[in-house]
Every structure is written in C-alpha cells, then in structure tokens.
C-alpha cells in the first residue's frame, strides 16, 4: 500500500536541504514505519533530484519521524529553476512510497 494510507507529511527547506516530517495517523503503525521507511529508501526517492544524503531522526514520544535530505532542491529557492524551490510539495513524493502492511 502507499504510505499516504498510513501517514501524513509536511515538507520544508533550508537552502538546498529538504526537511520532511512523517507522522502515522495511528500511533500503532510507528514500529511498522520505523522498519520500512529508512533513510536509504527516502534517499533513493530523491536520487533523481541529485540528493546526496539522508538522515532519519526518530521521535518516538511523538510517534513521528523527521528526514533531512541533502542536495534535493536543485540549489534551493534562490538557485533552482524548478517550480518548487521551497520543497513544500516534496512530502507527497515521500507519501507515494510503497510499504507492506499486514
């Protein structure tokens, strides 16, 4: 199933760095997402944009995650020719990730 069936996300930016939150609708899905939505998988989602690294920060008390993706915004809002230099719509790309849910 698609990740958007289990969670929601928000995106932001700082220069060429993309920041993505991931929050399951049901806190019971936190462990499932922790196992399947890895920094490596998120980096692969943004490889076509030139992303060079990704770090996942686990926030278990909030039942949430924060991903920081390096070099994913084609130079950032002041340097990119793309329509979304701010990275605000990149959360939907994350939510398109396939996950296995029993």
PDB file of N, CA and C in Angstrom:
ATOM      1  N   UNK A   1       0.836  -1.178   0.000  1.00  0.00           N
ATOM      2  CA  UNK A   1       0.000   0.000   0.000  1.00  0.00           C
ATOM      3  C   UNK A   1       0.879   1.239   0.000  1.00  0.00           C
ATOM      4  N   UNK A   2       0.287   2.347  -0.357  1.00  0.00           N
ATOM      5  CA  UNK A   2       1.028   3.609  -0.372  1.00  0.00           C
ATOM      6  C   UNK A   2       1.114   4.162   1.057  1.00  0.00           C
ATOM      7  N   UNK A   3       2.212   4.824   1.326  1.00  0.00           N
ATOM      8  CA  UNK A   3       2.448   5.392   2.644  1.00  0.00           C
ATOM      9  C   UNK A   3       1.356   6.389   3.032  1.00  0.00           C
ATOM     10  N   UNK A   4       0.779   7.082   2.044  1.00  0.00           N
ATOM     11  CA  UNK A   4      -0.261   8.065   2.368  1.00  0.00           C
ATOM     12  C   UNK A   4      -1.511   7.430   2.971  1.00  0.00           C
ATOM     13  N   UNK A   5      -1.668   6.116   2.856  1.00  0.00           N
ATOM     14  CA  UNK A   5      -2.784   5.437   3.516  1.00  0.00           C
ATOM     15  C   UNK A   5      -2.561   5.297   5.021  1.00  0.00           C
ATOM     16  N   UNK A   6      -1.301   5.421   5.458  1.00  0.00           N
ATOM     17  CA  UNK A   6      -0.951   5.213   6.862  1.00  0.00           C
ATOM     18  C   UNK A   6      -0.467   6.464   7.586  1.00  0.00           C
ATOM     19  N   UNK A   7      -0.055   7.490   6.826  1.00  0.00           N
ATOM     20  CA  UNK A   7       0.617   8.624   7.470  1.00  0.00           C
ATOM     21  C   UNK A   7       0.405   9.915   6.696  1.00  0.00           C
ATOM     22  N   UNK A   8       0.767  10.996   7.337  1.00  0.00           N
ATOM     23  CA  UNK A   8       0.784  12.294   6.657  1.00  0.00           C
ATOM     24  C   UNK A   8       2.172  12.895   6.812  1.00  0.00           C
ATOM     25  N   UNK A   9       2.439  13.944   6.041  1.00  0.00           N
ATOM     26  CA  UNK A   9       3.771  14.518   5.999  1.00  0.00           C
ATOM     27  C   UNK A   9       3.686  16.007   5.706  1.00  0.00           C
ATOM     28  N   UNK A  10       4.714  16.712   6.136  1.00  0.00           N
ATOM     29  CA  UNK A  10       4.899  18.120   5.785  1.00  0.00           C
ATOM     30  C   UNK A  10       6.340  18.273   5.335  1.00  0.00           C
ATOM     31  N   UNK A  11       6.582  19.227   4.469  1.00  0.00           N
ATOM     32  CA  UNK A  11       7.933  19.445   3.952  1.00  0.00           C
ATOM     33  C   UNK A  11       8.323  20.902   4.093  1.00  0.00           C
ATOM     34  N   UNK A  12       9.610  21.111   4.207  1.00  0.00           N
ATOM     35  CA  UNK A  12      10.154  22.458   4.276  1.00  0.00           C
ATOM     36  C   UNK A  12      11.555  22.451   3.708  1.00  0.00           C
ATOM     37  N   UNK A  13      12.217  23.582   3.764  1.00  0.00           N
ATOM     38  CA  UNK A  13      13.537  23.687   3.172  1.00  0.00           C
ATOM     39  C   UNK A  13      14.396  24.666   3.941  1.00  0.00           C
ATOM     40  N   UNK A  14      15.674  24.461   3.823  1.00  0.00           N
ATOM     41  CA  UNK A  14      16.707  25.407   4.245  1.00  0.00           C
ATOM     42  C   UNK A  14      17.788  25.320   3.200  1.00  0.00           C
ATOM     43  N   UNK A  15      17.851  26.293   2.330  1.00  0.00           N
ATOM     44  CA  UNK A  15      18.814  26.251   1.238  1.00  0.00           C
ATOM     45  C   UNK A  15      18.540  25.071   0.330  1.00  0.00           C
ATOM     46  N   UNK A  16      19.519  24.215   0.174  1.00  0.00           N
ATOM     47  CA  UNK A  16      19.400  23.048  -0.692  1.00  0.00           C
ATOM     48  C   UNK A  16      19.024  21.791   0.104  1.00  0.00           C
ATOM     49  N   UNK A  17      18.611  21.963   1.336  1.00  0.00           N
ATOM     50  CA  UNK A  17      18.297  20.860   2.241  1.00  0.00           C
ATOM     51  C   UNK A  17      16.786  20.739   2.397  1.00  0.00           C
ATOM     52  N   UNK A  18      16.266  19.532   2.173  1.00  0.00           N
ATOM     53  CA  UNK A  18      14.843  19.235   2.298  1.00  0.00           C
ATOM     54  C   UNK A  18      14.570  18.617   3.661  1.00  0.00           C
ATOM     55  N   UNK A  19      13.543  19.082   4.312  1.00  0.00           N
ATOM     56  CA  UNK A  19      13.143  18.587   5.628  1.00  0.00           C
ATOM     57  C   UNK A  19      11.739  17.999   5.503  1.00  0.00           C
ATOM     58  N   UNK A  20      11.578  16.721   5.879  1.00  0.00           N
ATOM     59  CA  UNK A  20      10.289  16.037   5.755  1.00  0.00           C
ATOM     60  C   UNK A  20       9.879  15.431   7.095  1.00  0.00           C
ATOM     61  N   UNK A  21       8.667  15.722   7.513  1.00  0.00           N
ATOM     62  CA  UNK A  21       8.122  15.023   8.678  1.00  0.00           C
ATOM     63  C   UNK A  21       7.300  13.848   8.168  1.00  0.00           C
ATOM     64  N   UNK A  22       7.174  12.819   8.989  1.00  0.00           N
ATOM     65  CA  UNK A  22       6.327  11.672   8.682  1.00  0.00           C
ATOM     66  C   UNK A  22       5.635  11.267   9.974  1.00  0.00           C
ATOM     67  N   UNK A  23       4.307  11.319   9.964  1.00  0.00           N
ATOM     68  CA  UNK A  23       3.531  11.070  11.178  1.00  0.00           C
ATOM     69  C   UNK A  23       2.406  10.095  10.853  1.00  0.00           C
ATOM     70  N   UNK A  24       2.444   8.898  11.454  1.00  0.00           N
ATOM     71  CA  UNK A  24       1.357   7.947  11.187  1.00  0.00           C
ATOM     72  C   UNK A  24       0.038   8.456  11.754  1.00  0.00           C
ATOM     73  N   UNK A  25      -1.053   8.152  11.046  1.00  0.00           N
ATOM     74  CA  UNK A  25      -2.383   8.509  11.552  1.00  0.00           C
ATOM     75  C   UNK A  25      -2.669   7.767  12.853  1.00  0.00           C
ATOM     76  N   UNK A  26      -2.208   6.518  12.917  1.00  0.00           N
ATOM     77  CA  UNK A  26      -2.407   5.675  14.092  1.00  0.00           C
ATOM     78  C   UNK A  26      -1.037   5.408  14.714  1.00  0.00           C
ATOM     79  N   UNK A  27      -0.806   5.824  15.959  1.00  0.00           N
ATOM     80  CA  UNK A  27       0.500   5.590  16.598  1.00  0.00           C
ATOM     81  C   UNK A  27       0.915   4.111  16.604  1.00  0.00           C
ATOM     82  N   UNK A  28      -0.036   3.208  16.472  1.00  0.00           N
ATOM     83  CA  UNK A  28       0.292   1.783  16.435  1.00  0.00           C
ATOM     84  C   UNK A  28       1.116   1.415  15.196  1.00  0.00           C
ATOM     85  N   UNK A  29       1.128   2.264  14.180  1.00  0.00           N
ATOM     86  CA  UNK A  29       1.890   1.992  12.964  1.00  0.00           C
ATOM     87  C   UNK A  29       3.319   2.535  13.022  1.00  0.00           C
ATOM     88  N   UNK A  30       3.684   3.142  14.139  1.00  0.00           N
ATOM     89  CA  UNK A  30       5.023   3.729  14.266  1.00  0.00           C
ATOM     90  C   UNK A  30       6.123   2.688  14.024  1.00  0.00           C
ATOM     91  N   UNK A  31       6.032   1.530  14.650  1.00  0.00           N
ATOM     92  CA  UNK A  31       7.068   0.495  14.506  1.00  0.00           C
ATOM     93  C   UNK A  31       7.139  -0.010  13.074  1.00  0.00           C
ATOM     94  N   UNK A  32       6.002  -0.161  12.433  1.00  0.00           N
ATOM     95  CA  UNK A  32       5.963  -0.615  11.038  1.00  0.00           C
ATOM     96  C   UNK A  32       6.687   0.387  10.143  1.00  0.00           C
ATOM     97  N   UNK A  33       6.410   1.669  10.353  1.00  0.00           N
ATOM     98  CA  UNK A  33       7.074   2.700   9.551  1.00  0.00           C
ATOM     99  C   UNK A  33       8.562   2.776   9.875  1.00  0.00           C
ATOM    100  N   UNK A  34       8.912   2.598  11.136  1.00  0.00           N
ATOM    101  CA  UNK A  34      10.326   2.627  11.523  1.00  0.00           C
ATOM    102  C   UNK A  34      11.108   1.536  10.804  1.00  0.00           C
ATOM    103  N   UNK A  35      10.483   0.392  10.626  1.00  0.00           N
ATOM    104  CA  UNK A  35      11.157  -0.731   9.976  1.00  0.00           C
ATOM    105  C   UNK A  35      11.265  -0.552   8.466  1.00  0.00           C
ATOM    106  N   UNK A  36      10.303   0.110   7.858  1.00  0.00           N
ATOM    107  CA  UNK A  36      10.240   0.145   6.389  1.00  0.00           C
ATOM    108  C   UNK A  36      10.633   1.470   5.740  1.00  0.00           C
ATOM    109  N   UNK A  37      10.442   2.564   6.425  1.00  0.00           N
ATOM    110  CA  UNK A  37      10.754   3.869   5.829  1.00  0.00           C
ATOM    111  C   UNK A  37      12.124   4.303   6.363  1.00  0.00           C
ATOM    112  N   UNK A  38      13.143   3.789   5.708  1.00  0.00           N
ATOM    113  CA  UNK A  38      14.514   4.035   6.141  1.00  0.00           C
ATOM    114  C   UNK A  38      15.094   5.258   5.434  1.00  0.00           C
ATOM    115  N   UNK A  39      16.178   5.751   5.971  1.00  0.00           N
ATOM    116  CA  UNK A  39      16.874   6.876   5.340  1.00  0.00           C
ATOM    117  C   UNK A  39      17.335   6.494   3.937  1.00  0.00           C
ATOM    118  N   UNK A  40      17.743   5.244   3.749  1.00  0.00           N
ATOM    119  CA  UNK A  40      18.204   4.791   2.445  1.00  0.00           C
ATOM    120  C   UNK A  40      17.070   4.804   1.416  1.00  0.00           C
ATOM    121  N   UNK A  41      15.889   4.372   1.822  1.00  0.00           N
ATOM    122  CA  UNK A  41      14.748   4.380   0.899  1.00  0.00           C
ATOM    123  C   UNK A  41      14.329   5.804   0.547  1.00  0.00           C
ATOM    124  N   UNK A  42      14.353   6.685   1.526  1.00  0.00           N
ATOM    125  CA  UNK A  42      13.991   8.082   1.261  1.00  0.00           C
ATOM    126  C   UNK A  42      15.030   8.731   0.349  1.00  0.00           C
ATOM    127  N   UNK A  43      16.295   8.459   0.583  1.00  0.00           N
ATOM    128  CA  UNK A  43      17.345   8.986  -0.297  1.00  0.00           C
ATOM    129  C   UNK A  43      17.125   8.510  -1.730  1.00  0.00           C
ATOM    130  N   UNK A  44      16.781   7.249  -1.899  1.00  0.00           N
ATOM    131  CA  UNK A  44      16.531   6.710  -3.245  1.00  0.00           C
ATOM    132  C   UNK A  44      15.362   7.412  -3.926  1.00  0.00           C
ATOM    133  N   UNK A  45      14.353   7.823  -3.147  1.00  0.00           N
ATOM    134  CA  UNK A  45      13.211   8.544  -3.717  1.00  0.00           C
ATOM    135  C   UNK A  45      13.614   9.878  -4.338  1.00  0.00           C
ATOM    136  N   UNK A  46      14.656  10.486  -3.783  1.00  0.00           N
ATOM    137  CA  UNK A  46      15.074  11.806  -4.243  1.00  0.00           C
ATOM    138  C   UNK A  46      16.392  11.777  -5.013  1.00  0.00           C
ATOM    139  N   UNK A  47      16.853  10.589  -5.373  1.00  0.00           N
ATOM    140  CA  UNK A  47      18.113  10.465  -6.123  1.00  0.00           C
ATOM    141  C   UNK A  47      18.024  11.174  -7.472  1.00  0.00           C
ATOM    142  N   UNK A  48      16.854  11.148  -8.101  1.00  0.00           N
ATOM    143  CA  UNK A  48      16.690  11.800  -9.409  1.00  0.00           C
ATOM    144  C   UNK A  48      16.871  13.310  -9.327  1.00  0.00           C
ATOM    145  N   UNK A  49      16.785  13.879  -8.128  1.00  0.00           N
ATOM    146  CA  UNK A  49      16.974  15.321  -7.931  1.00  0.00           C
ATOM    147  C   UNK A  49      18.397  15.643  -7.498  1.00  0.00           C
ATOM    148  N   UNK A  50      19.254  14.619  -7.428  1.00  0.00           N
ATOM    149  CA  UNK A  50      20.648  14.836  -7.057  1.00  0.00           C
ATOM    150  C   UNK A  50      20.923  14.744  -5.568  1.00  0.00           C
ATOM    151  N   UNK A  51      19.983  14.223  -4.790  1.00  0.00           N
ATOM    152  CA  UNK A  51      20.173  14.104  -3.343  1.00  0.00           C
ATOM    153  C   UNK A  51      21.423  13.288  -3.034  1.00  0.00           C
ATOM    154  N   UNK A  52      22.178  13.754  -2.056  1.00  0.00           N
ATOM    155  CA  UNK A  52      23.452  13.105  -1.725  1.00  0.00           C
ATOM    156  C   UNK A  52      23.472  12.432  -0.365  1.00  0.00           C
ATOM    157  N   UNK A  53      22.475  12.669   0.460  1.00  0.00           N
ATOM    158  CA  UNK A  53      22.449  12.056   1.785  1.00  0.00           C
ATOM    159  C   UNK A  53      21.100  12.245   2.444  1.00  0.00           C
ATOM    160  N   UNK A  54      20.814  11.378   3.404  1.00  0.00           N
ATOM    161  CA  UNK A  54      19.556  11.467   4.142  1.00  0.00           C
ATOM    162  C   UNK A  54      19.785  10.946   5.559  1.00  0.00           C
ATOM    163  N   UNK A  55      19.264  11.667   6.511  1.00  0.00           N
ATOM    164  CA  UNK A  55      19.318  11.249   7.913  1.00  0.00           C
ATOM    165  C   UNK A  55      17.893  11.195   8.437  1.00  0.00           C
ATOM    166  N   UNK A  56      17.564  10.104   9.130  1.00  0.00           N
ATOM    167  CA  UNK A  56      16.248   9.982   9.759  1.00  0.00           C
ATOM    168  C   UNK A  56      16.406  10.220  11.247  1.00  0.00           C
ATOM    169  N   UNK A  57      15.596  11.117  11.772  1.00  0.00           N
ATOM    170  CA  UNK A  57      15.547  11.371  13.210  1.00  0.00           C
ATOM    171  C   UNK A  57      14.248  10.764  13.734  1.00  0.00           C
ATOM    172  N   UNK A  58      14.375   9.798  14.634  1.00  0.00           N
ATOM    173  CA  UNK A  58      13.203   9.151  15.224  1.00  0.00           C
ATOM    174  C   UNK A  58      12.701   9.981  16.399  1.00  0.00           C
ATOM    175  N   UNK A  59      11.398  10.166  16.467  1.00  0.00           N
ATOM    176  CA  UNK A  59      10.760  10.924  17.541  1.00  0.00           C
ATOM    177  C   UNK A  59       9.690  10.043  18.180  1.00  0.00           C
ATOM    178  N   UNK A  60      10.106   9.014  18.932  1.00  0.00           N
ATOM    179  CA  UNK A  60       9.154   8.018  19.429  1.00  0.00           C
ATOM    180  C   UNK A  60       8.099   8.574  20.387  1.00  0.00           C
ATOM    181  N   UNK A  61       8.411   9.588  21.140  1.00  0.00           N
ATOM    182  CA  UNK A  61       7.406  10.156  22.049  1.00  0.00           C
ATOM    183  C   UNK A  61       6.306  10.888  21.292  1.00  0.00           C
ATOM    184  N   UNK A  62       6.608  11.309  20.068  1.00  0.00           N
ATOM    185  CA  UNK A  62       5.618  11.960  19.215  1.00  0.00           C
ATOM    186  C   UNK A  62       5.035  10.996  18.184  1.00  0.00           C
ATOM    187  N   UNK A  63       5.580   9.776  18.130  1.00  0.00           N
ATOM    188  CA  UNK A  63       5.193   8.791  17.112  1.00  0.00           C
ATOM    189  C   UNK A  63       5.406   9.392  15.724  1.00  0.00           C
ATOM    190  N   UNK A  64       6.586   9.943  15.508  1.00  0.00           N
ATOM    191  CA  UNK A  64       6.870  10.646  14.259  1.00  0.00           C
ATOM    192  C   UNK A  64       8.335  10.490  13.877  1.00  0.00           C
ATOM    193  N   UNK A  65       8.637  10.915  12.658  1.00  0.00           N
ATOM    194  CA  UNK A  65       9.996  10.889  12.127  1.00  0.00           C
ATOM    195  C   UNK A  65      10.271  12.222  11.443  1.00  0.00           C
ATOM    196  N   UNK A  66      11.544  12.569  11.383  1.00  0.00           N
ATOM    197  CA  UNK A  66      11.974  13.723  10.615  1.00  0.00           C
ATOM    198  C   UNK A  66      13.121  13.275   9.722  1.00  0.00           C
ATOM    199  N   UNK A  67      12.993  13.542   8.433  1.00  0.00           N
ATOM    200  CA  UNK A  67      14.033  13.199   7.463  1.00  0.00           C
ATOM    201  C   UNK A  67      14.665  14.493   6.964  1.00  0.00           C
ATOM    202  N   UNK A  68      15.986  14.512   6.918  1.00  0.00           N
ATOM    203  CA  UNK A  68      16.726  15.638   6.358  1.00  0.00           C
ATOM    204  C   UNK A  68      17.463  15.099   5.131  1.00  0.00           C
ATOM    205  N   UNK A  69      17.093  15.615   3.963  1.00  0.00           N
ATOM    206  CA  UNK A  69      17.651  15.140   2.692  1.00  0.00           C
ATOM    207  C   UNK A  69      18.551  16.244   2.129  1.00  0.00           C
ATOM    208  N   UNK A  70      19.807  15.899   1.927  1.00  0.00           N
ATOM    209  CA  UNK A  70      20.794  16.864   1.443  1.00  0.00           C
ATOM    210  C   UNK A  70      20.767  16.979  -0.085  1.00  0.00           C
ATOM    211  N   UNK A  71      20.904  18.200  -0.573  1.00  0.00           N
ATOM    212  CA  UNK A  71      21.062  18.492  -2.006  1.00  0.00           C
ATOM    213  C   UNK A  71      19.880  18.018  -2.850  1.00  0.00           C
ATOM    214  N   UNK A  72      18.681  18.106  -2.316  1.00  0.00           N
ATOM    215  CA  UNK A  72      17.493  17.625  -3.023  1.00  0.00           C
ATOM    216  C   UNK A  72      16.699  18.731  -3.707  1.00  0.00           C
ATOM    217  N   UNK A  73      17.109  19.984  -3.550  1.00  0.00           N
ATOM    218  CA  UNK A  73      16.293  21.090  -4.052  1.00  0.00           C
ATOM    219  C   UNK A  73      16.944  21.844  -5.206  1.00  0.00           C
ATOM    220  N   UNK A  74      17.850  21.165  -5.898  1.00  0.00           N
ATOM    221  CA  UNK A  74      18.485  21.730  -7.083  1.00  0.00           C
ATOM    222  C   UNK A  74      19.045  23.129  -6.841  1.00  0.00           C
ATOM    223  N   UNK A  75      19.643  23.302  -5.687  1.00  0.00           N
ATOM    224  CA  UNK A  75      20.264  24.575  -5.344  1.00  0.00           C
ATOM    225  C   UNK A  75      19.459  25.419  -4.373  1.00  0.00           C
ATOM    226  N   UNK A  76      18.217  25.073  -4.136  1.00  0.00           N
ATOM    227  CA  UNK A  76      17.385  25.841  -3.214  1.00  0.00           C
ATOM    228  C   UNK A  76      16.590  26.914  -3.920  1.00  0.00           C
ATOM    229  N   UNK A  77      15.785  27.626  -3.164  1.00  0.00           N
ATOM    230  CA  UNK A  77      14.835  28.578  -3.734  1.00  0.00           C
ATOM    231  C   UNK A  77      15.510  29.673  -4.557  1.00  0.00           C
ATOM    232  N   UNK A  78      16.694  30.075  -4.189  1.00  0.00           N
ATOM    233  CA  UNK A  78      17.359  31.150  -4.921  1.00  0.00           C
ATOM    234  C   UNK A  78      18.207  30.667  -6.083  1.00  0.00           C
ATOM    235  N   UNK A  79      18.461  29.361  -6.148  1.00  0.00           N
ATOM    236  CA  UNK A  79      19.339  28.874  -7.189  1.00  0.00           C
ATOM    237  C   UNK A  79      18.721  27.901  -8.168  1.00  0.00           C
ATOM    238  N   UNK A  80      17.492  27.469  -7.922  1.00  0.00           N
ATOM    239  CA  UNK A  80      16.894  26.437  -8.766  1.00  0.00           C
ATOM    240  C   UNK A  80      15.957  27.039  -9.807  1.00  0.00           C
ATOM    241  N   UNK A  81      15.848  26.354 -10.916  1.00  0.00           N
ATOM    242  CA  UNK A  81      14.917  26.756 -11.964  1.00  0.00           C
ATOM    243  C   UNK A  81      13.591  26.007 -11.863  1.00  0.00           C
ATOM    244  N   UNK A  82      13.505  25.076 -10.923  1.00  0.00           N
ATOM    245  CA  UNK A  82      12.269  24.281 -10.802  1.00  0.00           C
ATOM    246  C   UNK A  82      11.144  25.120 -10.198  1.00  0.00           C
ATOM    247  N   UNK A  83       9.917  24.632 -10.306  1.00  0.00           N
ATOM    248  CA  UNK A  83       8.753  25.391  -9.837  1.00  0.00           C
ATOM    249  C   UNK A  83       8.581  25.367  -8.328  1.00  0.00           C
ATOM    250  N   UNK A  84       9.174  24.379  -7.658  1.00  0.00           N
ATOM    251  CA  UNK A  84       9.001  24.291  -6.213  1.00  0.00           C
ATOM    252  C   UNK A  84      10.354  24.306  -5.518  1.00  0.00           C
ATOM    253  N   UNK A  85      11.047  25.400  -5.623  1.00  0.00           N
ATOM    254  CA  UNK A  85      12.338  25.536  -4.976  1.00  0.00           C
ATOM    255  C   UNK A  85      12.262  25.486  -3.472  1.00  0.00           C
ATOM    256  N   UNK A  86      11.085  25.729  -2.923  1.00  0.00           N
ATOM    257  CA  UNK A  86      10.921  25.683  -1.471  1.00  0.00           C
ATOM    258  C   UNK A  86      10.787  24.266  -0.941  1.00  0.00           C
ATOM    259  N   UNK A  87      10.473  23.304  -1.766  1.00  0.00           N
ATOM    260  CA  UNK A  87      10.343  21.930  -1.305  1.00  0.00           C
ATOM    261  C   UNK A  87       9.024  21.608  -0.641  1.00  0.00           C
ATOM    262  N   UNK A  88       8.052  22.503  -0.685  1.00  0.00           N
ATOM    263  CA  UNK A  88       6.797  22.296   0.042  1.00  0.00           C
ATOM    264  C   UNK A  88       5.990  21.105  -0.448  1.00  0.00           C
ATOM    265  N   UNK A  89       6.079  20.785  -1.730  1.00  0.00           N
ATOM    266  CA  UNK A  89       5.279  19.676  -2.251  1.00  0.00           C
ATOM    267  C   UNK A  89       6.016  18.337  -2.231  1.00  0.00           C
ATOM    268  N   UNK A  90       7.238  18.327  -1.752  1.00  0.00           N
ATOM    269  CA  UNK A  90       8.021  17.094  -1.749  1.00  0.00           C
ATOM    270  C   UNK A  90       7.466  16.051  -0.784  1.00  0.00           C
ATOM    271  N   UNK A  91       6.598  16.459   0.126  1.00  0.00           N
ATOM    272  CA  UNK A  91       6.022  15.491   1.063  1.00  0.00           C
ATOM    273  C   UNK A  91       5.179  14.457   0.327  1.00  0.00           C
ATOM    274  N   UNK A  92       4.529  14.850  -0.767  1.00  0.00           N
ATOM    275  CA  UNK A  92       3.712  13.878  -1.481  1.00  0.00           C
ATOM    276  C   UNK A  92       4.583  12.811  -2.136  1.00  0.00           C
ATOM    277  N   UNK A  93       5.780  13.175  -2.562  1.00  0.00           N
ATOM    278  CA  UNK A  93       6.708  12.163  -3.108  1.00  0.00           C
ATOM    279  C   UNK A  93       7.022  11.127  -2.029  1.00  0.00           C
ATOM    280  N   UNK A  94       7.296  11.572  -0.809  1.00  0.00           N
ATOM    281  CA  UNK A  94       7.522  10.650   0.297  1.00  0.00           C
ATOM    282  C   UNK A  94       6.312   9.754   0.515  1.00  0.00           C
ATOM    283  N   UNK A  95       5.130  10.335   0.507  1.00  0.00           N
ATOM    284  CA  UNK A  95       3.919   9.565   0.774  1.00  0.00           C
ATOM    285  C   UNK A  95       3.566   8.591  -0.338  1.00  0.00           C
ATOM    286  N   UNK A  96       4.229   8.677  -1.477  1.00  0.00           N
ATOM    287  CA  UNK A  96       3.999   7.729  -2.558  1.00  0.00           C
ATOM    288  C   UNK A  96       4.794   6.433  -2.378  1.00  0.00           C
ATOM    289  N   UNK A  97       5.645   6.400  -1.388  1.00  0.00           N
ATOM    290  CA  UNK A  97       6.456   5.207  -1.110  1.00  0.00           C
ATOM    291  C   UNK A  97       5.568   4.015  -0.781  1.00  0.00           C
ATOM    292  N   UNK A  98       5.913   2.852  -1.322  1.00  0.00           N
ATOM    293  CA  UNK A  98       5.171   1.615  -1.040  1.00  0.00           C
ATOM    294  C   UNK A  98       5.660   1.015   0.270  1.00  0.00           C
ATOM    295  N   UNK A  99       4.716   0.571   1.102  1.00  0.00           N
ATOM    296  CA  UNK A  99       5.027  -0.142   2.343  1.00  0.00           C
ATOM    297  C   UNK A  99       4.143  -1.386   2.436  1.00  0.00           C
ATOM    298  N   UNK A 100       4.633  -2.378   3.156  1.00  0.00           N
ATOM    299  CA  UNK A 100       3.849  -3.595   3.407  1.00  0.00           C
ATOM    300  C   UNK A 100       3.166  -3.461   4.749  1.00  0.00           C
ATOM    301  N   UNK A 101       1.867  -3.645   4.743  1.00  0.00           N
ATOM    302  CA  UNK A 101       1.100  -3.545   5.982  1.00  0.00           C
ATOM    303  C   UNK A 101       0.305  -4.841   6.157  1.00  0.00           C
ATOM    304  N   UNK A 102       0.519  -5.548   7.248  1.00  0.00           N
ATOM    305  CA  UNK A 102      -0.200  -6.820   7.442  1.00  0.00           C
ATOM    306  C   UNK A 102      -1.700  -6.611   7.570  1.00  0.00           C
TER     307      UNK A 102
END
